PDB file of N, CA and C in Angstrom:
ATOM      1  N   MET A   1    -130.804 -27.197-100.380  1.00  0.00           N
ATOM      2  CA  MET A   1    -131.838 -27.089-101.388  1.00  0.00           C
ATOM      3  C   MET A   1    -133.118 -27.806-100.931  1.00  0.00           C
ATOM      4  N   ARG A   2    -132.957 -28.973-100.362  1.00  0.00           N
ATOM      5  CA  ARG A   2    -134.112 -29.724 -99.898  1.00  0.00           C
ATOM      6  C   ARG A   2    -134.841 -28.963 -98.796  1.00  0.00           C
ATOM      7  N   PHE A   3    -134.085 -28.327 -97.885  1.00  0.00           N
ATOM      8  CA  PHE A   3    -134.683 -27.544 -96.806  1.00  0.00           C
ATOM      9  C   PHE A   3    -135.486 -26.373 -97.366  1.00  0.00           C
ATOM     10  N   GLN A   4    -134.946 -25.696 -98.390  1.00  0.00           N
ATOM     11  CA  GLN A   4    -135.648 -24.556 -98.978  1.00  0.00           C
ATOM     12  C   GLN A   4    -136.968 -24.992 -99.601  1.00  0.00           C
ATOM     13  N   ALA A   5    -136.960 -26.125-100.281  1.00  0.00           N
ATOM     14  CA  ALA A   5    -138.192 -26.627-100.892  1.00  0.00           C
ATOM     15  C   ALA A   5    -139.210 -26.985 -99.816  1.00  0.00           C
ATOM     16  N   LEU A   6    -138.751 -27.597 -98.747  1.00  0.00           N
ATOM     17  CA  LEU A   6    -139.645 -27.950 -97.648  1.00  0.00           C
ATOM     18  C   LEU A   6    -140.221 -26.701 -96.990  1.00  0.00           C
ATOM     19  N   LEU A   7    -139.384 -25.708 -96.779  1.00  0.00           N
ATOM     20  CA  LEU A   7    -139.834 -24.457 -96.177  1.00  0.00           C
ATOM     21  C   LEU A   7    -140.853 -23.768 -97.070  1.00  0.00           C
ATOM     22  N   LEU A   8    -140.596 -23.710 -98.353  1.00  0.00           N
ATOM     23  CA  LEU A   8    -141.508 -23.059 -99.292  1.00  0.00           C
ATOM     24  C   LEU A   8    -142.855 -23.769 -99.331  1.00  0.00           C
ATOM     25  N   THR A   9    -142.852 -25.089 -99.382  1.00  0.00           N
ATOM     26  CA  THR A   9    -144.125 -25.811 -99.445  1.00  0.00           C
ATOM     27  C   THR A   9    -144.907 -25.706 -98.152  1.00  0.00           C
ATOM     28  N   SER A  10    -144.235 -25.470 -97.041  1.00  0.00           N
ATOM     29  CA  SER A  10    -144.959 -25.319 -95.785  1.00  0.00           C
ATOM     30  C   SER A  10    -145.519 -23.918 -95.603  1.00  0.00           C
ATOM     31  N   LEU A  11    -144.946 -22.924 -96.254  1.00  0.00           N
ATOM     32  CA  LEU A  11    -145.421 -21.552 -96.110  1.00  0.00           C
ATOM     33  C   LEU A  11    -146.530 -21.196 -97.088  1.00  0.00           C
ATOM     34  N   VAL A  12    -146.593 -21.837 -98.223  1.00  0.00           N
ATOM     35  CA  VAL A  12    -147.606 -21.504 -99.230  1.00  0.00           C
ATOM     36  C   VAL A  12    -149.021 -21.678 -98.692  1.00  0.00           C
ATOM     37  N   PRO A  13    -149.368 -22.780 -98.027  1.00  0.00           N
ATOM     38  CA  PRO A  13    -150.735 -22.891 -97.492  1.00  0.00           C
ATOM     39  C   PRO A  13    -151.051 -21.831 -96.445  1.00  0.00           C
ATOM     40  N   LEU A  14    -150.055 -21.387 -95.705  1.00  0.00           N
ATOM     41  CA  LEU A  14    -150.304 -20.358 -94.697  1.00  0.00           C
ATOM     42  C   LEU A  14    -150.660 -19.031 -95.328  1.00  0.00           C
ATOM     43  N   SER A  15    -150.030 -18.704 -96.450  1.00  0.00           N
ATOM     44  CA  SER A  15    -150.289 -17.411 -97.085  1.00  0.00           C
ATOM     45  C   SER A  15    -151.529 -17.438 -97.959  1.00  0.00           C
ATOM     46  N   ALA A  16    -152.033 -18.611 -98.283  1.00  0.00           N
ATOM     47  CA  ALA A  16    -153.161 -18.712 -99.199  1.00  0.00           C
ATOM     48  C   ALA A  16    -154.436 -18.104 -98.626  1.00  0.00           C
ATOM     49  N   GLY A  17    -154.630 -18.176 -97.323  1.00  0.00           N
ATOM     50  CA  GLY A  17    -155.861 -17.676 -96.746  1.00  0.00           C
ATOM     51  C   GLY A  17    -155.706 -16.365 -96.011  1.00  0.00           C
ATOM     52  N   CYS A  18    -154.614 -15.667 -96.221  1.00  0.00           N
ATOM     53  CA  CYS A  18    -154.353 -14.438 -95.476  1.00  0.00           C
ATOM     54  C   CYS A  18    -155.228 -13.291 -95.967  1.00  0.00           C
ATOM     55  N   SER A  19    -155.883 -12.660 -95.039  1.00  0.00           N
ATOM     56  CA  SER A  19    -156.659 -11.467 -95.345  1.00  0.00           C
ATOM     57  C   SER A  19    -156.782 -10.650 -94.071  1.00  0.00           C
ATOM     58  N   THR A  20    -156.951  -9.361 -94.251  1.00  0.00           N
ATOM     59  CA  THR A  20    -157.163  -8.474 -93.119  1.00  0.00           C
ATOM     60  C   THR A  20    -158.325  -7.550 -93.442  1.00  0.00           C
ATOM     61  N   SER A  21    -158.900  -6.990 -92.411  1.00  0.00           N
ATOM     62  CA  SER A  21    -159.939  -5.982 -92.623  1.00  0.00           C
ATOM     63  C   SER A  21    -159.756  -4.902 -91.580  1.00  0.00           C
ATOM     64  N   ARG A  22    -160.125  -3.699 -91.974  1.00  0.00           N
ATOM     65  CA  ARG A  22    -160.061  -2.573 -91.035  1.00  0.00           C
ATOM     66  C   ARG A  22    -161.108  -1.552 -91.421  1.00  0.00           C
ATOM     67  N   PRO A  23    -161.636  -0.868 -90.414  1.00  0.00           N
ATOM     68  CA  PRO A  23    -162.633   0.164 -90.705  1.00  0.00           C
ATOM     69  C   PRO A  23    -161.959   1.408 -91.274  1.00  0.00           C
ATOM     70  N   ILE A  24    -162.592   2.001 -92.261  1.00  0.00           N
ATOM     71  CA  ILE A  24    -162.165   3.281 -92.823  1.00  0.00           C
ATOM     72  C   ILE A  24    -163.427   4.121 -93.010  1.00  0.00           C
ATOM     73  N   TYR A  25    -163.268   5.337 -93.456  1.00  0.00           N
ATOM     74  CA  TYR A  25    -164.417   6.232 -93.656  1.00  0.00           C
ATOM     75  C   TYR A  25    -164.436   6.734 -95.087  1.00  0.00           C
ATOM     76  N   ASN A  26    -165.628   6.761 -95.676  1.00  0.00           N
ATOM     77  CA  ASN A  26    -165.762   7.272 -97.036  1.00  0.00           C
ATOM     78  C   ASN A  26    -165.807   8.802 -97.017  1.00  0.00           C
ATOM     79  N   GLU A  27    -165.987   9.394 -98.176  1.00  0.00           N
ATOM     80  CA  GLU A  27    -165.990  10.861 -98.296  1.00  0.00           C
ATOM     81  C   GLU A  27    -167.095  11.511 -97.476  1.00  0.00           C
ATOM     82  N   GLY A  28    -168.204  10.796 -97.291  1.00  0.00           N
ATOM     83  CA  GLY A  28    -169.328  11.317 -96.510  1.00  0.00           C
ATOM     84  C   GLY A  28    -169.187  11.101 -95.012  1.00  0.00           C
ATOM     85  N   GLY A  29    -168.086  10.486 -94.585  1.00  0.00           N
ATOM     86  CA  GLY A  29    -167.861  10.250 -93.162  1.00  0.00           C
ATOM     87  C   GLY A  29    -168.477   8.973 -92.624  1.00  0.00           C
ATOM     88  N   GLN A  30    -169.048   8.143 -93.506  1.00  0.00           N
ATOM     89  CA  GLN A  30    -169.646   6.889 -93.060  1.00  0.00           C
ATOM     90  C   GLN A  30    -168.579   5.803 -92.949  1.00  0.00           C
ATOM     91  N   LYS A  31    -168.721   4.962 -91.927  1.00  0.00           N
ATOM     92  CA  LYS A  31    -167.762   3.886 -91.721  1.00  0.00           C
ATOM     93  C   LYS A  31    -168.005   2.753 -92.714  1.00  0.00           C
ATOM     94  N   ILE A  32    -166.951   2.318 -93.380  1.00  0.00           N
ATOM     95  CA  ILE A  32    -166.979   1.165 -94.277  1.00  0.00           C
ATOM     96  C   ILE A  32    -165.793   0.273 -93.906  1.00  0.00           C
ATOM     97  N   LEU A  33    -165.694  -0.876 -94.523  1.00  0.00           N
ATOM     98  CA  LEU A  33    -164.587  -1.779 -94.260  1.00  0.00           C
ATOM     99  C   LEU A  33    -163.710  -1.930 -95.494  1.00  0.00           C
ATOM    100  N   MET A  34    -162.410  -1.987 -95.272  1.00  0.00           N
ATOM    101  CA  MET A  34    -161.474  -2.282 -96.339  1.00  0.00           C
ATOM    102  C   MET A  34    -160.879  -3.660 -96.036  1.00  0.00           C
ATOM    103  N   VAL A  35    -161.102  -4.592 -96.943  1.00  0.00           N
ATOM    104  CA  VAL A  35    -160.595  -5.952 -96.811  1.00  0.00           C
ATOM    105  C   VAL A  35    -159.426  -6.090 -97.774  1.00  0.00           C
ATOM    106  N   GLU A  36    -158.283  -6.552 -97.267  1.00  0.00           N
ATOM    107  CA  GLU A  36    -157.088  -6.706 -98.095  1.00  0.00           C
ATOM    108  C   GLU A  36    -156.635  -8.160 -98.100  1.00  0.00           C
ATOM    109  N   CYS A  37    -156.187  -8.616 -99.267  1.00  0.00           N
ATOM    110  CA  CYS A  37    -155.667  -9.969 -99.445  1.00  0.00           C
ATOM    111  C   CYS A  37    -154.341  -9.871-100.179  1.00  0.00           C
ATOM    112  N   GLY A  38    -153.518 -10.870-100.016  1.00  0.00           N
ATOM    113  CA  GLY A  38    -152.232 -10.894-100.687  1.00  0.00           C
ATOM    114  C   GLY A  38    -152.381 -11.067-102.189  1.00  0.00           C
ATOM    115  N   SER A  39    -151.371 -10.635-102.923  1.00  0.00           N
ATOM    116  CA  SER A  39    -151.419 -10.709-104.382  1.00  0.00           C
ATOM    117  C   SER A  39    -151.419 -12.148-104.885  1.00  0.00           C
ATOM    118  N   GLY A  40    -150.888 -13.072-104.101  1.00  0.00           N
ATOM    119  CA  GLY A  40    -150.833 -14.469-104.510  1.00  0.00           C
ATOM    120  C   GLY A  40    -152.111 -15.228-104.236  1.00  0.00           C
ATOM    121  N   THR A  41    -153.115 -14.575-103.701  1.00  0.00           N
ATOM    122  CA  THR A  41    -154.374 -15.247-103.389  1.00  0.00           C
ATOM    123  C   THR A  41    -155.453 -14.861-104.388  1.00  0.00           C
ATOM    124  N   SER A  42    -156.480 -15.643-104.422  1.00  0.00           N
ATOM    125  CA  SER A  42    -157.632 -15.345-105.263  1.00  0.00           C
ATOM    126  C   SER A  42    -158.452 -14.237-104.617  1.00  0.00           C
ATOM    127  N   ILE A  43    -159.149 -13.473-105.424  1.00  0.00           N
ATOM    128  CA  ILE A  43    -160.005 -12.411-104.899  1.00  0.00           C
ATOM    129  C   ILE A  43    -161.130 -13.016-104.056  1.00  0.00           C
ATOM    130  N   SER A  44    -161.423 -14.287-104.261  1.00  0.00           N
ATOM    131  CA  SER A  44    -162.462 -14.948-103.462  1.00  0.00           C
ATOM    132  C   SER A  44    -162.087 -14.998-101.981  1.00  0.00           C
ATOM    133  N   VAL A  45    -160.799 -14.952-101.659  1.00  0.00           N
ATOM    134  CA  VAL A  45    -160.370 -14.906-100.261  1.00  0.00           C
ATOM    135  C   VAL A  45    -160.862 -13.604 -99.628  1.00  0.00           C
ATOM    136  N   CYS A  46    -160.803 -12.519-100.380  1.00  0.00           N
ATOM    137  CA  CYS A  46    -161.317 -11.231 -99.890  1.00  0.00           C
ATOM    138  C   CYS A  46    -162.830 -11.309 -99.678  1.00  0.00           C
ATOM    139  N   TYR A  47    -163.526 -11.935-100.615  1.00  0.00           N
ATOM    140  CA  TYR A  47    -164.981 -12.062-100.487  1.00  0.00           C
ATOM    141  C   TYR A  47    -165.357 -12.931 -99.294  1.00  0.00           C
ATOM    142  N   ASP A  48    -164.593 -13.990 -99.060  1.00  0.00           N
ATOM    143  CA  ASP A  48    -164.850 -14.833 -97.894  1.00  0.00           C
ATOM    144  C   ASP A  48    -164.676 -14.035 -96.602  1.00  0.00           C
ATOM    145  N   ARG A  49    -163.644 -13.205 -96.554  1.00  0.00           N
ATOM    146  CA  ARG A  49    -163.407 -12.372 -95.369  1.00  0.00           C
ATOM    147  C   ARG A  49    -164.528 -11.352 -95.218  1.00  0.00           C
ATOM    148  N   ALA A  50    -165.012 -10.801 -96.331  1.00  0.00           N
ATOM    149  CA  ALA A  50    -166.109  -9.836 -96.284  1.00  0.00           C
ATOM    150  C   ALA A  50    -167.357 -10.481 -95.689  1.00  0.00           C
ATOM    151  N   LEU A  51    -167.637 -11.712 -96.073  1.00  0.00           N
ATOM    152  CA  LEU A  51    -168.795 -12.407 -95.507  1.00  0.00           C
ATOM    153  C   LEU A  51    -168.607 -12.695 -94.025  1.00  0.00           C
ATOM    154  N   LYS A  52    -167.384 -12.958 -93.632  1.00  0.00           N
ATOM    155  CA  LYS A  52    -167.098 -13.184 -92.214  1.00  0.00           C
ATOM    156  C   LYS A  52    -167.324 -11.896 -91.418  1.00  0.00           C
ATOM    157  N   GLU A  53    -166.921 -10.768 -91.971  1.00  0.00           N
ATOM    158  CA  GLU A  53    -167.079  -9.479 -91.305  1.00  0.00           C
ATOM    159  C   GLU A  53    -168.524  -9.004 -91.323  1.00  0.00           C
ATOM    160  N   CYS A  54    -169.259  -9.359 -92.354  1.00  0.00           N
ATOM    161  CA  CYS A  54    -170.654  -8.909 -92.520  1.00  0.00           C
ATOM    162  C   CYS A  54    -171.555 -10.124 -92.739  1.00  0.00           C
ATOM    163  N   PRO A  55    -171.886 -10.866 -91.689  1.00  0.00           N
ATOM    164  CA  PRO A  55    -172.676 -12.091 -91.852  1.00  0.00           C
ATOM    165  C   PRO A  55    -174.076 -11.871 -92.427  1.00  0.00           C
ATOM    166  N   LYS A  56    -174.605 -10.657 -92.326  1.00  0.00           N
ATOM    167  CA  LYS A  56    -175.929 -10.367 -92.888  1.00  0.00           C
ATOM    168  C   LYS A  56    -175.838  -9.871 -94.324  1.00  0.00           C
ATOM    169  N   GLY A  57    -174.631  -9.846 -94.875  1.00  0.00           N
ATOM    170  CA  GLY A  57    -174.433  -9.398 -96.243  1.00  0.00           C
ATOM    171  C   GLY A  57    -173.739  -8.047 -96.296  1.00  0.00           C
ATOM    172  N   TYR A  58    -173.353  -7.646 -97.480  1.00  0.00           N
ATOM    173  CA  TYR A  58    -172.648  -6.380 -97.662  1.00  0.00           C
ATOM    174  C   TYR A  58    -172.915  -5.814 -99.045  1.00  0.00           C
ATOM    175  N   ARG A  59    -172.620  -4.544 -99.182  1.00  0.00           N
ATOM    176  CA  ARG A  59    -172.714  -3.856-100.470  1.00  0.00           C
ATOM    177  C   ARG A  59    -171.293  -3.554-100.917  1.00  0.00           C
ATOM    178  N   MET A  60    -170.964  -3.962-102.144  1.00  0.00           N
ATOM    179  CA  MET A  60    -169.637  -3.733-102.701  1.00  0.00           C
ATOM    180  C   MET A  60    -169.491  -2.257-103.073  1.00  0.00           C
ATOM    181  N   ILE A  61    -168.441  -1.638-102.607  1.00  0.00           N
ATOM    182  CA  ILE A  61    -168.157  -0.246-102.956  1.00  0.00           C
ATOM    183  C   ILE A  61    -167.101  -0.187-104.042  1.00  0.00           C
ATOM    184  N   SER A  62    -166.001  -0.930-103.845  1.00  0.00           N
ATOM    185  CA  SER A  62    -164.965  -0.968-104.875  1.00  0.00           C
ATOM    186  C   SER A  62    -164.117  -2.215-104.727  1.00  0.00           C
ATOM    187  N   GLU A  63    -163.420  -2.540-105.799  1.00  0.00           N
ATOM    188  CA  GLU A  63    -162.516  -3.681-105.840  1.00  0.00           C
ATOM    189  C   GLU A  63    -161.283  -3.251-106.622  1.00  0.00           C
ATOM    190  N   ASP A  64    -160.108  -3.575-106.099  1.00  0.00           N
ATOM    191  CA  ASP A  64    -158.864  -3.178-106.768  1.00  0.00           C
ATOM    192  C   ASP A  64    -157.855  -4.315-106.651  1.00  0.00           C
ATOM    193  N   SER A  65    -157.271  -4.684-107.765  1.00  0.00           N
ATOM    194  CA  SER A  65    -156.207  -5.688-107.769  1.00  0.00           C
ATOM    195  C   SER A  65    -154.904  -4.984-108.109  1.00  0.00           C
ATOM    196  N   GLY A  66    -154.150  -4.648-107.076  1.00  0.00           N
ATOM    197  CA  GLY A  66    -152.892  -3.954-107.264  1.00  0.00           C
ATOM    198  C   GLY A  66    -151.725  -4.910-107.432  1.00  0.00           C
ATOM    199  N   PHE A  67    -150.525  -4.363-107.463  1.00  0.00           N
ATOM    200  CA  PHE A  67    -149.312  -5.155-107.673  1.00  0.00           C
ATOM    201  C   PHE A  67    -149.046  -6.114-106.523  1.00  0.00           C
ATOM    202  N   ASN A  68    -149.202  -5.644-105.289  1.00  0.00           N
ATOM    203  CA  ASN A  68    -148.841  -6.487-104.148  1.00  0.00           C
ATOM    204  C   ASN A  68    -150.010  -6.874-103.253  1.00  0.00           C
ATOM    205  N   ARG A  69    -151.227  -6.500-103.626  1.00  0.00           N
ATOM    206  CA  ARG A  69    -152.388  -6.909-102.834  1.00  0.00           C
ATOM    207  C   ARG A  69    -153.675  -6.646-103.602  1.00  0.00           C
ATOM    208  N   LYS A  70    -154.725  -7.274-103.114  1.00  0.00           N
ATOM    209  CA  LYS A  70    -156.078  -7.047-103.632  1.00  0.00           C
ATOM    210  C   LYS A  70    -156.857  -6.370-102.511  1.00  0.00           C
ATOM    211  N   THR A  71    -157.680  -5.401-102.875  1.00  0.00           N
ATOM    212  CA  THR A  71    -158.435  -4.636-101.895  1.00  0.00           C
ATOM    213  C   THR A  71    -159.910  -4.584-102.303  1.00  0.00           C
ATOM    214  N   VAL A  72    -160.775  -4.831-101.330  1.00  0.00           N
ATOM    215  CA  VAL A  72    -162.220  -4.735-101.538  1.00  0.00           C
ATOM    216  C   VAL A  72    -162.759  -3.809-100.462  1.00  0.00           C
ATOM    217  N   LYS A  73    -163.502  -2.791-100.864  1.00  0.00           N
ATOM    218  CA  LYS A  73    -164.164  -1.898 -99.902  1.00  0.00           C
ATOM    219  C   LYS A  73    -165.635  -2.234 -99.896  1.00  0.00           C
ATOM    220  N   ILE A  74    -166.180  -2.428 -98.678  1.00  0.00           N
ATOM    221  CA  ILE A  74    -167.559  -2.883 -98.539  1.00  0.00           C
ATOM    222  C   ILE A  74    -168.279  -2.099 -97.455  1.00  0.00           C
ATOM    223  N   GLU A  75    -169.604  -2.168 -97.506  1.00  0.00           N
ATOM    224  CA  GLU A  75    -170.446  -1.605 -96.455  1.00  0.00           C
ATOM    225  C   GLU A  75    -171.375  -2.717 -95.984  1.00  0.00           C
ATOM    226  N   CYS A  76    -171.325  -3.036 -94.707  1.00  0.00           N
ATOM    227  CA  CYS A  76    -172.174  -4.093 -94.150  1.00  0.00           C
ATOM    228  C   CYS A  76    -173.634  -3.667 -94.172  1.00  0.00           C
ATOM    229  N   LYS A  77    -174.524  -4.641 -94.374  1.00  0.00           N
ATOM    230  CA  LYS A  77    -175.965  -4.359 -94.341  1.00  0.00           C
ATOM    231  C   LYS A  77    -176.460  -4.420 -92.928  1.00  0.00           C
TER     232      LYS A  77
END
């Protein structure tokens, strides 16, 4: 039991900042980015990743908070 508690407390900080981004294309064929974060994280983690991907700023296209993840679609300026 003690090992499980130790393992859980060591993994929570690792998952708190997890986010990914990948290029996708909108209906018009323009490249945009889809940023995904885990469901256990704040949507601000997605916004932080968006700023990292687009240091000059971005335009929000959509935001979705699903069951197992949060997704933000953006277009870099």
